């Protein structure tokens, strides 16, 4: 039995055990219209949440998964904020919206029944988990690992390392000038961060304390990196996989450089998928969750610039 089959069997058991006891609600996002596939409205699926996962990795996983299902009339439309997939299967139309808006937005959509899956670069807060009816461990899937880099402009490339104490003081606004870090430089330190809808913002804040520094927030990492590349006094947190050609330099933190598989690196983090309880009744999501942790799915994880679950540490 393959890994994919084992995980499919596992989630099928979960589906069966939850069938009779889960509450009904709006989170199925399916239009009902009759008894036959021709009479039923289209199945509606929605994934939202982390842009770290949603920009590259999730589209690649969906492309491979839908291709494996051999659905008919598959179309993929690029939207300003994500992707729209359309297809037909067994005579019934389906559509899936992939709209990355940040981990916090994903959790909120899941709680409100506005999406079946949330992508997250942080663990769901206990308060939000309690808002999900009968939340179970089976609704959380560990997908991959990432390592946030700490970056400066190329003009500060001679600064090779910051301690956790120094970085924390910068983040909290207790160190405000580069001269307090290295006397060869001077100028106000400006932080560039993802916005507060992102899991990245909350992950960094959880490690370093409450934000108190002068800073600028951006909706996505592309804009953030452009800001940093144009600011010799900037400092930013960004994903491990970086575009080429930018005037930026990566710092070691507490003696360790950013490495995806370094368990001791301060900003290494797990990345998750969260599934609505009602979606556990739908074979589409059951199989997709299994596919994400299968050998093929984890190969896509590695190809997308993340650490997969199977490679040795």
C-alpha atoms as a PDB file:
ATOM      1  CA  UNK A   1       0.000   0.000   0.000  1.00  0.00           C
ATOM      2  CA  UNK A   2       1.425   3.368  -1.030  1.00  0.00           C
ATOM      3  CA  UNK A   3       1.769   6.393   1.272  1.00  0.00           C
ATOM      4  CA  UNK A   4      -1.027   8.090  -0.684  1.00  0.00           C
ATOM      5  CA  UNK A   5      -3.329   5.083  -0.180  1.00  0.00           C
ATOM      6  CA  UNK A   6      -2.528   4.850   3.536  1.00  0.00           C
ATOM      7  CA  UNK A   7      -3.326   8.511   4.079  1.00  0.00           C
ATOM      8  CA  UNK A   8      -6.467   8.238   1.955  1.00  0.00           C
ATOM      9  CA  UNK A   9      -7.587   5.309   4.119  1.00  0.00           C
ATOM     10  CA  UNK A  10      -6.829   7.292   7.287  1.00  0.00           C
ATOM     11  CA  UNK A  11      -8.849  10.285   6.202  1.00  0.00           C
ATOM     12  CA  UNK A  12     -11.660   8.031   5.002  1.00  0.00           C
ATOM     13  CA  UNK A  13     -11.890   6.636   8.537  1.00  0.00           C
ATOM     14  CA  UNK A  14     -12.037  10.162   9.890  1.00  0.00           C
ATOM     15  CA  UNK A  15     -14.757  11.005   7.378  1.00  0.00           C
ATOM     16  CA  UNK A  16     -16.837   7.984   8.497  1.00  0.00           C
ATOM     17  CA  UNK A  17     -16.440   8.704  12.212  1.00  0.00           C
ATOM     18  CA  UNK A  18     -17.504  12.334  11.808  1.00  0.00           C
ATOM     19  CA  UNK A  19     -20.380  11.721   9.396  1.00  0.00           C
ATOM     20  CA  UNK A  20     -23.140  11.319  11.963  1.00  0.00           C
ATOM     21  CA  UNK A  21     -21.973  13.817  14.566  1.00  0.00           C
ATOM     22  CA  UNK A  22     -20.878  16.946  12.697  1.00  0.00           C
ATOM     23  CA  UNK A  23     -23.236  19.940  12.709  1.00  0.00           C
ATOM     24  CA  UNK A  24     -24.625  21.223   9.436  1.00  0.00           C
ATOM     25  CA  UNK A  25     -23.705  24.738   8.329  1.00  0.00           C
ATOM     26  CA  UNK A  26     -22.801  27.083   5.540  1.00  0.00           C
ATOM     27  CA  UNK A  27     -19.213  25.946   5.218  1.00  0.00           C
ATOM     28  CA  UNK A  28     -19.940  23.297   2.586  1.00  0.00           C
ATOM     29  CA  UNK A  29     -20.163  26.117   0.004  1.00  0.00           C
ATOM     30  CA  UNK A  30     -22.089  23.794  -2.331  1.00  0.00           C
ATOM     31  CA  UNK A  31     -25.148  24.888  -4.283  1.00  0.00           C
ATOM     32  CA  UNK A  32     -27.823  22.191  -4.121  1.00  0.00           C
ATOM     33  CA  UNK A  33     -30.259  22.093  -7.004  1.00  0.00           C
ATOM     34  CA  UNK A  34     -31.693  18.577  -7.568  1.00  0.00           C
ATOM     35  CA  UNK A  35     -31.092  14.868  -7.408  1.00  0.00           C
ATOM     36  CA  UNK A  36     -28.969  14.230 -10.522  1.00  0.00           C
ATOM     37  CA  UNK A  37     -25.533  15.667 -11.472  1.00  0.00           C
ATOM     38  CA  UNK A  38     -27.202  17.547 -14.315  1.00  0.00           C
ATOM     39  CA  UNK A  39     -29.703  19.210 -11.947  1.00  0.00           C
ATOM     40  CA  UNK A  40     -27.232  20.068  -9.191  1.00  0.00           C
ATOM     41  CA  UNK A  41     -25.520  23.423  -9.209  1.00  0.00           C
ATOM     42  CA  UNK A  42     -21.719  23.578  -9.416  1.00  0.00           C
ATOM     43  CA  UNK A  43     -19.653  22.428  -6.498  1.00  0.00           C
ATOM     44  CA  UNK A  44     -17.901  25.420  -4.977  1.00  0.00           C
ATOM     45  CA  UNK A  45     -14.548  25.115  -3.243  1.00  0.00           C
ATOM     46  CA  UNK A  46     -12.437  27.836  -1.652  1.00  0.00           C
ATOM     47  CA  UNK A  47      -8.905  27.980  -0.242  1.00  0.00           C
ATOM     48  CA  UNK A  48      -7.571  31.120   1.392  1.00  0.00           C
ATOM     49  CA  UNK A  49      -4.928  32.099   3.944  1.00  0.00           C
ATOM     50  CA  UNK A  50      -1.142  32.313   3.849  1.00  0.00           C
ATOM     51  CA  UNK A  51       0.481  34.036   0.893  1.00  0.00           C
ATOM     52  CA  UNK A  52       3.702  32.193   1.719  1.00  0.00           C
ATOM     53  CA  UNK A  53       1.922  28.978   0.724  1.00  0.00           C
ATOM     54  CA  UNK A  54      -0.586  30.408  -1.720  1.00  0.00           C
ATOM     55  CA  UNK A  55       1.683  32.220  -4.162  1.00  0.00           C
ATOM     56  CA  UNK A  56       3.618  29.240  -5.580  1.00  0.00           C
ATOM     57  CA  UNK A  57       3.218  25.994  -3.639  1.00  0.00           C
ATOM     58  CA  UNK A  58      -0.566  25.679  -3.460  1.00  0.00           C
ATOM     59  CA  UNK A  59      -1.112  26.369  -7.208  1.00  0.00           C
ATOM     60  CA  UNK A  60       1.507  23.717  -7.988  1.00  0.00           C
ATOM     61  CA  UNK A  61      -0.191  21.196  -5.687  1.00  0.00           C
ATOM     62  CA  UNK A  62      -3.618  21.904  -7.166  1.00  0.00           C
ATOM     63  CA  UNK A  63      -2.310  21.640 -10.728  1.00  0.00           C
ATOM     64  CA  UNK A  64      -0.846  18.206 -10.016  1.00  0.00           C
ATOM     65  CA  UNK A  65      -3.811  16.959  -7.989  1.00  0.00           C
ATOM     66  CA  UNK A  66      -6.449  17.992 -10.527  1.00  0.00           C
ATOM     67  CA  UNK A  67      -4.328  16.544 -13.309  1.00  0.00           C
ATOM     68  CA  UNK A  68      -4.201  13.248 -11.431  1.00  0.00           C
ATOM     69  CA  UNK A  69      -7.998  13.227 -11.065  1.00  0.00           C
ATOM     70  CA  UNK A  70      -8.291  13.425 -14.862  1.00  0.00           C
ATOM     71  CA  UNK A  71     -11.193  15.841 -14.653  1.00  0.00           C
ATOM     72  CA  UNK A  72     -12.805  17.178 -17.823  1.00  0.00           C
ATOM     73  CA  UNK A  73     -12.705  20.708 -19.240  1.00  0.00           C
ATOM     74  CA  UNK A  74     -10.146  21.885 -16.680  1.00  0.00           C
ATOM     75  CA  UNK A  75      -9.490  25.633 -16.860  1.00  0.00           C
ATOM     76  CA  UNK A  76      -7.221  27.813 -14.723  1.00  0.00           C
ATOM     77  CA  UNK A  77      -7.712  31.561 -14.658  1.00  0.00           C
ATOM     78  CA  UNK A  78      -5.213  33.945 -13.096  1.00  0.00           C
ATOM     79  CA  UNK A  79      -6.980  36.524 -10.926  1.00  0.00           C
ATOM     80  CA  UNK A  80      -5.549  39.718  -9.468  1.00  0.00           C
ATOM     81  CA  UNK A  81      -5.524  38.086  -6.023  1.00  0.00           C
ATOM     82  CA  UNK A  82      -5.121  34.399  -6.868  1.00  0.00           C
ATOM     83  CA  UNK A  83      -6.513  31.715  -9.181  1.00  0.00           C
ATOM     84  CA  UNK A  84      -9.862  30.322 -10.278  1.00  0.00           C
ATOM     85  CA  UNK A  85     -10.112  26.680 -11.364  1.00  0.00           C
ATOM     86  CA  UNK A  86     -13.090  25.253 -13.274  1.00  0.00           C
ATOM     87  CA  UNK A  87     -13.717  21.645 -14.293  1.00  0.00           C
ATOM     88  CA  UNK A  88     -16.341  18.941 -14.756  1.00  0.00           C
ATOM     89  CA  UNK A  89     -16.413  15.493 -13.200  1.00  0.00           C
ATOM     90  CA  UNK A  90     -19.073  12.799 -13.508  1.00  0.00           C
ATOM     91  CA  UNK A  91     -21.282  15.248 -15.360  1.00  0.00           C
ATOM     92  CA  UNK A  92     -21.135  17.921 -12.669  1.00  0.00           C
ATOM     93  CA  UNK A  93     -19.402  21.273 -12.826  1.00  0.00           C
ATOM     94  CA  UNK A  94     -17.037  22.461 -10.090  1.00  0.00           C
ATOM     95  CA  UNK A  95     -15.045  25.590  -9.377  1.00  0.00           C
ATOM     96  CA  UNK A  96     -12.342  26.354  -6.861  1.00  0.00           C
ATOM     97  CA  UNK A  97     -11.115  29.787  -5.764  1.00  0.00           C
ATOM     98  CA  UNK A  98      -7.567  30.100  -4.436  1.00  0.00           C
ATOM     99  CA  UNK A  99      -7.295  33.526  -2.791  1.00  0.00           C
ATOM    100  CA  UNK A 100      -4.243  33.987  -0.529  1.00  0.00           C
ATOM    101  CA  UNK A 101      -4.895  36.876   1.865  1.00  0.00           C
ATOM    102  CA  UNK A 102      -2.776  36.043   4.913  1.00  0.00           C
ATOM    103  CA  UNK A 103      -2.974  33.370   7.619  1.00  0.00           C
ATOM    104  CA  UNK A 104      -5.198  35.396   9.938  1.00  0.00           C
ATOM    105  CA  UNK A 105      -7.664  36.075   7.123  1.00  0.00           C
ATOM    106  CA  UNK A 106      -7.662  32.341   6.360  1.00  0.00           C
ATOM    107  CA  UNK A 107      -8.529  31.416   9.927  1.00  0.00           C
ATOM    108  CA  UNK A 108     -11.322  34.003  10.006  1.00  0.00           C
ATOM    109  CA  UNK A 109     -12.789  32.659   6.746  1.00  0.00           C
ATOM    110  CA  UNK A 110     -12.665  29.109   8.090  1.00  0.00           C
ATOM    111  CA  UNK A 111     -14.472  30.082  11.309  1.00  0.00           C
ATOM    112  CA  UNK A 112     -17.091  32.043   9.354  1.00  0.00           C
ATOM    113  CA  UNK A 113     -17.768  29.143   6.977  1.00  0.00           C
ATOM    114  CA  UNK A 114     -16.494  31.146   4.001  1.00  0.00           C
ATOM    115  CA  UNK A 115     -13.769  28.657   2.996  1.00  0.00           C
ATOM    116  CA  UNK A 116     -13.144  24.953   3.404  1.00  0.00           C
ATOM    117  CA  UNK A 117      -9.351  25.213   3.681  1.00  0.00           C
ATOM    118  CA  UNK A 118      -7.017  27.738   5.271  1.00  0.00           C
ATOM    119  CA  UNK A 119      -3.284  27.874   4.546  1.00  0.00           C
ATOM    120  CA  UNK A 120      -1.224  29.031   7.525  1.00  0.00           C
ATOM    121  CA  UNK A 121       2.366  29.944   8.366  1.00  0.00           C
ATOM    122  CA  UNK A 122       1.555  29.717  12.079  1.00  0.00           C
ATOM    123  CA  UNK A 123      -0.438  27.451  14.364  1.00  0.00           C
ATOM    124  CA  UNK A 124      -4.066  28.431  14.770  1.00  0.00           C
ATOM    125  CA  UNK A 125      -4.764  30.408  17.944  1.00  0.00           C
ATOM    126  CA  UNK A 126      -6.557  28.497  20.694  1.00  0.00           C
ATOM    127  CA  UNK A 127      -9.367  31.051  20.716  1.00  0.00           C
ATOM    128  CA  UNK A 128      -9.981  30.538  16.987  1.00  0.00           C
ATOM    129  CA  UNK A 129      -9.713  26.755  17.245  1.00  0.00           C
ATOM    130  CA  UNK A 130     -12.445  26.834  19.910  1.00  0.00           C
ATOM    131  CA  UNK A 131     -14.627  28.766  17.477  1.00  0.00           C
ATOM    132  CA  UNK A 132     -14.507  25.850  15.032  1.00  0.00           C
ATOM    133  CA  UNK A 133     -17.217  23.344  15.863  1.00  0.00           C
ATOM    134  CA  UNK A 134     -15.711  20.172  17.369  1.00  0.00           C
ATOM    135  CA  UNK A 135     -12.195  20.995  16.129  1.00  0.00           C
ATOM    136  CA  UNK A 136     -10.111  17.827  15.825  1.00  0.00           C
ATOM    137  CA  UNK A 137      -6.440  17.168  15.155  1.00  0.00           C
ATOM    138  CA  UNK A 138      -7.371  15.608  11.813  1.00  0.00           C
ATOM    139  CA  UNK A 139      -8.330  19.079  10.563  1.00  0.00           C
ATOM    140  CA  UNK A 140      -4.689  20.262  10.871  1.00  0.00           C
ATOM    141  CA  UNK A 141      -2.158  19.014   8.338  1.00  0.00           C
ATOM    142  CA  UNK A 142       1.579  19.687   8.563  1.00  0.00           C
ATOM    143  CA  UNK A 143       2.605  20.422   4.978  1.00  0.00           C
ATOM    144  CA  UNK A 144       6.168  21.794   4.914  1.00  0.00           C
ATOM    145  CA  UNK A 145       8.852  23.840   6.678  1.00  0.00           C
ATOM    146  CA  UNK A 146      10.125  27.313   5.902  1.00  0.00           C
ATOM    147  CA  UNK A 147      12.896  29.496   7.345  1.00  0.00           C
ATOM    148  CA  UNK A 148      12.471  33.265   7.454  1.00  0.00           C
ATOM    149  CA  UNK A 149      15.611  35.172   6.547  1.00  0.00           C
ATOM    150  CA  UNK A 150      16.664  38.405   8.229  1.00  0.00           C
ATOM    151  CA  UNK A 151      17.807  40.759   5.473  1.00  0.00           C
ATOM    152  CA  UNK A 152      19.576  44.102   5.153  1.00  0.00           C
ATOM    153  CA  UNK A 153      20.506  46.281   2.193  1.00  0.00           C
ATOM    154  CA  UNK A 154      23.750  45.427   0.378  1.00  0.00           C
ATOM    155  CA  UNK A 155      25.348  48.574   1.824  1.00  0.00           C
ATOM    156  CA  UNK A 156      25.177  46.851   5.229  1.00  0.00           C
ATOM    157  CA  UNK A 157      26.634  43.565   3.949  1.00  0.00           C
ATOM    158  CA  UNK A 158      29.672  43.967   6.244  1.00  0.00           C
ATOM    159  CA  UNK A 159      27.306  43.336   9.138  1.00  0.00           C
ATOM    160  CA  UNK A 160      27.277  39.555   9.119  1.00  0.00           C
ATOM    161  CA  UNK A 161      25.295  38.660  12.234  1.00  0.00           C
ATOM    162  CA  UNK A 162      22.865  39.882  14.860  1.00  0.00           C
ATOM    163  CA  UNK A 163      22.204  38.283  18.223  1.00  0.00           C
ATOM    164  CA  UNK A 164      18.654  37.472  19.259  1.00  0.00           C
ATOM    165  CA  UNK A 165      18.975  40.217  21.901  1.00  0.00           C
ATOM    166  CA  UNK A 166      20.017  42.825  19.326  1.00  0.00           C
ATOM    167  CA  UNK A 167      17.281  41.819  16.890  1.00  0.00           C
ATOM    168  CA  UNK A 168      14.678  41.879  19.636  1.00  0.00           C
ATOM    169  CA  UNK A 169      15.711  45.381  20.695  1.00  0.00           C
ATOM    170  CA  UNK A 170      15.491  46.570  17.082  1.00  0.00           C
ATOM    171  CA  UNK A 171      12.034  45.036  16.711  1.00  0.00           C
ATOM    172  CA  UNK A 172      10.781  46.566  19.969  1.00  0.00           C
ATOM    173  CA  UNK A 173      12.252  49.973  19.156  1.00  0.00           C
ATOM    174  CA  UNK A 174      14.942  49.915  21.862  1.00  0.00           C
ATOM    175  CA  UNK A 175      17.742  50.114  19.271  1.00  0.00           C
ATOM    176  CA  UNK A 176      16.937  52.715  16.605  1.00  0.00           C
ATOM    177  CA  UNK A 177      20.216  53.533  14.823  1.00  0.00           C
ATOM    178  CA  UNK A 178      22.717  51.365  12.963  1.00  0.00           C
ATOM    179  CA  UNK A 179      25.541  52.972  14.964  1.00  0.00           C
ATOM    180  CA  UNK A 180      24.274  51.030  17.994  1.00  0.00           C
ATOM    181  CA  UNK A 181      24.957  47.829  16.053  1.00  0.00           C
ATOM    182  CA  UNK A 182      28.175  48.733  14.199  1.00  0.00           C
ATOM    183  CA  UNK A 183      30.078  52.017  14.534  1.00  0.00           C
ATOM    184  CA  UNK A 184      31.039  51.891  10.853  1.00  0.00           C
ATOM    185  CA  UNK A 185      27.436  52.773   9.989  1.00  0.00           C
ATOM    186  CA  UNK A 186      24.820  55.276  11.048  1.00  0.00           C
ATOM    187  CA  UNK A 187      21.248  56.106  10.182  1.00  0.00           C
ATOM    188  CA  UNK A 188      17.755  55.224  11.463  1.00  0.00           C
ATOM    189  CA  UNK A 189      16.899  51.542  11.275  1.00  0.00           C
ATOM    190  CA  UNK A 190      13.701  51.011   9.306  1.00  0.00           C
ATOM    191  CA  UNK A 191      11.851  47.710   9.563  1.00  0.00           C
ATOM    192  CA  UNK A 192       9.932  46.196   6.664  1.00  0.00           C
ATOM    193  CA  UNK A 193       7.328  43.631   7.705  1.00  0.00           C
ATOM    194  CA  UNK A 194       4.352  41.737   6.340  1.00  0.00           C
ATOM    195  CA  UNK A 195       1.018  43.123   7.484  1.00  0.00           C
ATOM    196  CA  UNK A 196      -0.854  41.942  10.557  1.00  0.00           C
ATOM    197  CA  UNK A 197      -3.089  39.621   8.513  1.00  0.00           C
ATOM    198  CA  UNK A 198      -0.031  37.468   7.829  1.00  0.00           C
ATOM    199  CA  UNK A 199       1.217  34.565   9.887  1.00  0.00           C
ATOM    200  CA  UNK A 200       4.766  35.808   9.295  1.00  0.00           C
ATOM    201  CA  UNK A 201       4.105  39.003  11.271  1.00  0.00           C
ATOM    202  CA  UNK A 202       2.692  37.099  14.250  1.00  0.00           C
ATOM    203  CA  UNK A 203       5.403  34.434  14.093  1.00  0.00           C
ATOM    204  CA  UNK A 204       8.177  37.049  14.339  1.00  0.00           C
ATOM    205  CA  UNK A 205       6.339  38.947  17.068  1.00  0.00           C
ATOM    206  CA  UNK A 206       5.906  35.746  19.070  1.00  0.00           C
ATOM    207  CA  UNK A 207       9.693  35.279  19.094  1.00  0.00           C
ATOM    208  CA  UNK A 208      10.873  38.887  19.519  1.00  0.00           C
ATOM    209  CA  UNK A 209       8.114  40.563  21.528  1.00  0.00           C
ATOM    210  CA  UNK A 210       5.715  43.405  20.831  1.00  0.00           C
ATOM    211  CA  UNK A 211       6.546  45.552  17.813  1.00  0.00           C
ATOM    212  CA  UNK A 212       7.680  49.037  18.832  1.00  0.00           C
ATOM    213  CA  UNK A 213      10.035  50.104  16.053  1.00  0.00           C
ATOM    214  CA  UNK A 214       9.452  52.481  13.180  1.00  0.00           C
ATOM    215  CA  UNK A 215       8.333  50.221  10.360  1.00  0.00           C
ATOM    216  CA  UNK A 216       6.402  49.769   7.143  1.00  0.00           C
ATOM    217  CA  UNK A 217       4.008  46.890   6.512  1.00  0.00           C
ATOM    218  CA  UNK A 218       3.376  45.315   3.134  1.00  0.00           C
ATOM    219  CA  UNK A 219       0.687  42.994   1.824  1.00  0.00           C
ATOM    220  CA  UNK A 220       3.196  40.645   0.201  1.00  0.00           C
ATOM    221  CA  UNK A 221       6.884  39.818   0.233  1.00  0.00           C
ATOM    222  CA  UNK A 222       7.529  41.058  -3.325  1.00  0.00           C
ATOM    223  CA  UNK A 223       6.701  44.637  -2.359  1.00  0.00           C
ATOM    224  CA  UNK A 224       8.582  44.269   0.924  1.00  0.00           C
ATOM    225  CA  UNK A 225      11.770  43.147  -0.811  1.00  0.00           C
ATOM    226  CA  UNK A 226      11.580  46.001  -3.302  1.00  0.00           C
ATOM    227  CA  UNK A 227      11.278  48.443  -0.399  1.00  0.00           C
ATOM    228  CA  UNK A 228      14.332  46.959   1.288  1.00  0.00           C
ATOM    229  CA  UNK A 229      16.374  46.968  -1.931  1.00  0.00           C
ATOM    230  CA  UNK A 230      15.767  50.728  -2.181  1.00  0.00           C
ATOM    231  CA  UNK A 231      16.589  51.559   1.454  1.00  0.00           C
ATOM    232  CA  UNK A 232      20.219  51.346   2.693  1.00  0.00           C
ATOM    233  CA  UNK A 233      18.949  51.620   6.290  1.00  0.00           C
ATOM    234  CA  UNK A 234      16.320  48.894   6.004  1.00  0.00           C
ATOM    235  CA  UNK A 235      15.958  45.529   7.735  1.00  0.00           C
ATOM    236  CA  UNK A 236      13.354  42.927   6.771  1.00  0.00           C
ATOM    237  CA  UNK A 237      12.105  39.402   7.383  1.00  0.00           C
ATOM    238  CA  UNK A 238      11.436  37.354   4.228  1.00  0.00           C
ATOM    239  CA  UNK A 239      11.048  33.703   3.123  1.00  0.00           C
ATOM    240  CA  UNK A 240      14.020  31.472   2.502  1.00  0.00           C
ATOM    241  CA  UNK A 241      13.585  31.283  -1.275  1.00  0.00           C
ATOM    242  CA  UNK A 242      14.533  34.731  -2.607  1.00  0.00           C
ATOM    243  CA  UNK A 243      14.445  36.254  -6.106  1.00  0.00           C
ATOM    244  CA  UNK A 244      17.801  37.019  -7.711  1.00  0.00           C
ATOM    245  CA  UNK A 245      19.251  40.412  -8.533  1.00  0.00           C
ATOM    246  CA  UNK A 246      18.114  42.430  -5.505  1.00  0.00           C
ATOM    247  CA  UNK A 247      20.503  44.611  -3.488  1.00  0.00           C
ATOM    248  CA  UNK A 248      20.000  42.671  -0.273  1.00  0.00           C
ATOM    249  CA  UNK A 249      22.138  40.601   2.069  1.00  0.00           C
ATOM    250  CA  UNK A 250      21.148  37.823   4.498  1.00  0.00           C
ATOM    251  CA  UNK A 251      22.267  37.925   8.154  1.00  0.00           C
ATOM    252  CA  UNK A 252      23.122  35.111  10.510  1.00  0.00           C
ATOM    253  CA  UNK A 253      21.071  35.174  13.700  1.00  0.00           C
ATOM    254  CA  UNK A 254      22.558  33.987  16.989  1.00  0.00           C
ATOM    255  CA  UNK A 255      25.421  32.345  15.100  1.00  0.00           C
ATOM    256  CA  UNK A 256      23.257  30.395  12.651  1.00  0.00           C
ATOM    257  CA  UNK A 257      22.518  31.173   9.002  1.00  0.00           C
ATOM    258  CA  UNK A 258      19.056  30.547   7.593  1.00  0.00           C
ATOM    259  CA  UNK A 259      18.745  26.863   6.696  1.00  0.00           C
ATOM    260  CA  UNK A 260      15.506  25.052   5.962  1.00  0.00           C
ATOM    261  CA  UNK A 261      16.542  21.926   7.836  1.00  0.00           C
ATOM    262  CA  UNK A 262      18.357  23.525  10.779  1.00  0.00           C
ATOM    263  CA  UNK A 263      16.192  22.807  13.815  1.00  0.00           C
ATOM    264  CA  UNK A 264      18.151  25.355  15.861  1.00  0.00           C
ATOM    265  CA  UNK A 265      17.654  28.285  13.491  1.00  0.00           C
ATOM    266  CA  UNK A 266      15.537  30.852  15.322  1.00  0.00           C
ATOM    267  CA  UNK A 267      13.079  31.559  12.510  1.00  0.00           C
ATOM    268  CA  UNK A 268      12.508  28.062  11.138  1.00  0.00           C
ATOM    269  CA  UNK A 269       8.781  27.377  11.130  1.00  0.00           C
ATOM    270  CA  UNK A 270       6.219  24.719  10.181  1.00  0.00           C
ATOM    271  CA  UNK A 271       3.563  25.476   7.572  1.00  0.00           C
ATOM    272  CA  UNK A 272       0.048  24.063   7.869  1.00  0.00           C
ATOM    273  CA  UNK A 273      -3.233  23.422   6.122  1.00  0.00           C
ATOM    274  CA  UNK A 274      -6.465  23.605   8.115  1.00  0.00           C
ATOM    275  CA  UNK A 275      -9.678  21.977   6.933  1.00  0.00           C
ATOM    276  CA  UNK A 276     -13.255  22.747   7.890  1.00  0.00           C
ATOM    277  CA  UNK A 277     -14.888  19.820   9.719  1.00  0.00           C
ATOM    278  CA  UNK A 278     -17.676  19.494   7.168  1.00  0.00           C
ATOM    279  CA  UNK A 279     -15.123  19.246   4.366  1.00  0.00           C
ATOM    280  CA  UNK A 280     -13.955  15.958   5.889  1.00  0.00           C
ATOM    281  CA  UNK A 281     -17.123  14.483   4.390  1.00  0.00           C
ATOM    282  CA  UNK A 282     -16.037  15.399   0.861  1.00  0.00           C
ATOM    283  CA  UNK A 283     -13.754  12.910  -0.960  1.00  0.00           C
ATOM    284  CA  UNK A 284     -12.242  15.833  -2.901  1.00  0.00           C
ATOM    285  CA  UNK A 285     -10.691  17.271   0.278  1.00  0.00           C
ATOM    286  CA  UNK A 286      -9.937  13.878   1.833  1.00  0.00           C
ATOM    287  CA  UNK A 287      -7.912  12.889  -1.219  1.00  0.00           C
ATOM    288  CA  UNK A 288      -6.267  16.300  -1.544  1.00  0.00           C
ATOM    289  CA  UNK A 289      -5.038  16.234   2.066  1.00  0.00           C
ATOM    290  CA  UNK A 290      -3.588  12.776   1.430  1.00  0.00           C
ATOM    291  CA  UNK A 291      -2.003  13.927  -1.832  1.00  0.00           C
ATOM    292  CA  UNK A 292      -0.258  16.860  -0.088  1.00  0.00           C
ATOM    293  CA  UNK A 293       1.603  14.461   2.203  1.00  0.00           C
ATOM    294  CA  UNK A 294       2.196  11.814  -0.454  1.00  0.00           C
ATOM    295  CA  UNK A 295       5.575  11.286  -2.107  1.00  0.00           C
ATOM    296  CA  UNK A 296       4.455  13.221  -5.178  1.00  0.00           C
ATOM    297  CA  UNK A 297       3.021  16.080  -3.114  1.00  0.00           C
ATOM    298  CA  UNK A 298       6.135  16.381  -0.980  1.00  0.00           C
ATOM    299  CA  UNK A 299       8.319  16.427  -4.101  1.00  0.00           C
ATOM    300  CA  UNK A 300       6.349  19.504  -5.205  1.00  0.00           C
ATOM    301  CA  UNK A 301       6.939  21.038  -1.763  1.00  0.00           C
ATOM    302  CA  UNK A 302      10.707  20.728  -2.218  1.00  0.00           C
ATOM    303  CA  UNK A 303      10.581  22.019  -5.803  1.00  0.00           C
ATOM    304  CA  UNK A 304       8.702  25.100  -4.570  1.00  0.00           C
ATOM    305  CA  UNK A 305      11.490  26.204  -2.229  1.00  0.00           C
ATOM    306  CA  UNK A 306      10.406  24.632   1.075  1.00  0.00           C
ATOM    307  CA  UNK A 307      11.661  21.758   3.190  1.00  0.00           C
ATOM    308  CA  UNK A 308       9.460  18.709   2.772  1.00  0.00           C
ATOM    309  CA  UNK A 309       8.531  16.285   5.531  1.00  0.00           C
ATOM    310  CA  UNK A 310      10.514  13.315   4.294  1.00  0.00           C
ATOM    311  CA  UNK A 311      14.077  14.630   3.802  1.00  0.00           C
ATOM    312  CA  UNK A 312      16.546  13.865   6.615  1.00  0.00           C
ATOM    313  CA  UNK A 313      17.158  16.632   9.148  1.00  0.00           C
END
